C-alpha cells in the first residue's frame, strides 16, 4: 500500500466514524426532545386535573350553600303557613 492509499483509507474510516457519531448524537437529541415534550404534556394534564378538581370542589360548596338556603326557606315557609292557618 502506498501512502496515498493509506491516507484515503484513513480519511474514509474517519469520515465514517464522524458520521456515526453525528447520527448517534442526533438520535439521542431527538430522544431527549421527546422526553421533554412528554413531561410537558404530563404536566399540562396534571394542571388540568387539578383545575377540574378545584372546580368540582367549588361546585360542591355552592351546592351545599344552596341546599342550606333552601332548607332555611322551607323552614320560613312552614312558619308562614302555620301563622296563616292560625289566622284563619
Protein backbone atom coordinates (compact mmCIF):
# COMPACT_ATOMS: atom_id res chain seq x y z
CA UNK A 1 0.00 0.00 0.00
CA UNK A 2 1.15 3.41 -0.78
CA UNK A 3 0.91 6.43 1.43
CA UNK A 4 -1.83 7.82 -0.78
CA UNK A 5 -3.96 4.71 -0.30
CA UNK A 6 -3.34 4.72 3.45
CA UNK A 7 -4.35 8.38 3.59
CA UNK A 8 -7.54 7.68 1.65
CA UNK A 9 -8.39 4.71 3.88
CA UNK A 10 -7.75 6.81 6.98
CA UNK A 11 -9.95 9.63 5.62
CA UNK A 12 -12.72 7.18 4.73
CA UNK A 13 -12.67 5.49 8.15
CA UNK A 14 -12.51 8.86 9.92
CA UNK A 15 -15.44 10.16 7.89
CA UNK A 16 -17.47 7.04 8.64
CA UNK A 17 -16.78 7.36 12.37
CA UNK A 18 -17.71 11.05 12.33
CA UNK A 19 -20.98 10.24 10.53
CA UNK A 20 -21.76 7.51 13.08
CA UNK A 21 -21.08 9.90 15.98
CA UNK A 22 -23.26 12.60 14.41
CA UNK A 23 -26.11 10.13 13.82
CA UNK A 24 -25.92 8.89 17.42
CA UNK A 25 -25.90 12.46 18.76
CA UNK A 26 -28.90 13.43 16.60
CA UNK A 27 -30.87 10.33 17.65
CA UNK A 28 -30.12 10.97 21.32
CA UNK A 29 -31.10 14.63 20.87
CA UNK A 30 -34.48 13.63 19.44
CA UNK A 31 -34.97 11.16 22.29
CA UNK A 32 -34.28 13.90 24.82
CA UNK A 33 -36.64 16.26 23.00
CA UNK A 34 -39.40 13.63 23.00
CA UNK A 35 -38.90 13.01 26.71
CA UNK A 36 -39.16 16.74 27.45
CA UNK A 37 -42.33 17.04 25.38
CA UNK A 38 -43.84 14.03 27.15
CA UNK A 39 -43.01 15.56 30.51
CA UNK A 40 -44.56 18.88 29.46
CA UNK A 41 -47.70 17.08 28.30
CA UNK A 42 -47.97 15.20 31.58
CA UNK A 43 -47.55 18.46 33.49
CA UNK A 44 -50.32 20.06 31.45
CA UNK A 45 -52.62 17.09 32.16
CA UNK A 46 -51.80 17.31 35.87
CA UNK A 47 -52.68 21.02 35.91
CA UNK A 48 -55.94 20.34 34.10
CA UNK A 49 -56.78 17.60 36.61
CA UNK A 50 -56.07 19.99 39.50
CA UNK A 51 -58.28 22.64 37.91
CA UNK A 52 -61.08 20.12 37.38
CA UNK A 53 -60.80 19.01 41.00
CA UNK A 54 -60.90 22.61 42.22
CA UNK A 55 -63.94 23.32 40.06
CA UNK A 56 -65.69 20.20 41.38
CA UNK A 57 -64.96 21.19 44.98
CA UNK A 58 -66.25 24.72 44.34
CA UNK A 59 -69.39 23.26 42.77
CA UNK A 60 -69.95 21.04 45.82
CA UNK A 61 -69.53 24.01 48.15
CA UNK A 62 -72.01 26.07 46.13
CA UNK A 63 -74.46 23.17 46.12
CA UNK A 64 -74.19 22.91 49.90
CA UNK A 65 -74.84 26.66 50.25
CA UNK A 66 -77.88 26.39 48.01
CA UNK A 67 -79.17 23.40 49.98
CA UNK A 68 -78.75 25.32 53.25
CA UNK A 69 -80.56 28.34 51.83
CA UNK A 70 -83.35 26.14 50.51
CA UNK A 71 -83.75 24.47 53.90
CA UNK A 72 -83.94 27.89 55.55
CA UNK A 73 -86.61 28.95 53.05
CA UNK A 74 -88.59 25.76 53.77
CA UNK A 75 -88.44 26.49 57.48
CA UNK A 76 -89.62 30.06 56.96
CA UNK A 77 -92.40 28.94 54.61
CA UNK A 78 -93.57 26.39 57.18
CA UNK A 79 -93.65 29.16 59.81
CA UNK A 80 -95.64 31.42 57.47
CA UNK A 81 -98.10 28.58 56.68
CA UNK A 82 -98.54 27.99 60.41
CA UNK A 83 -99.25 31.65 61.02
CA UNK A 84 -101.75 31.72 58.12
CA UNK A 85 -103.56 28.64 59.48
CA UNK A 86 -103.80 30.28 62.90
CA UNK A 87 -105.20 33.46 61.38
CA UNK A 88 -107.95 31.56 59.53
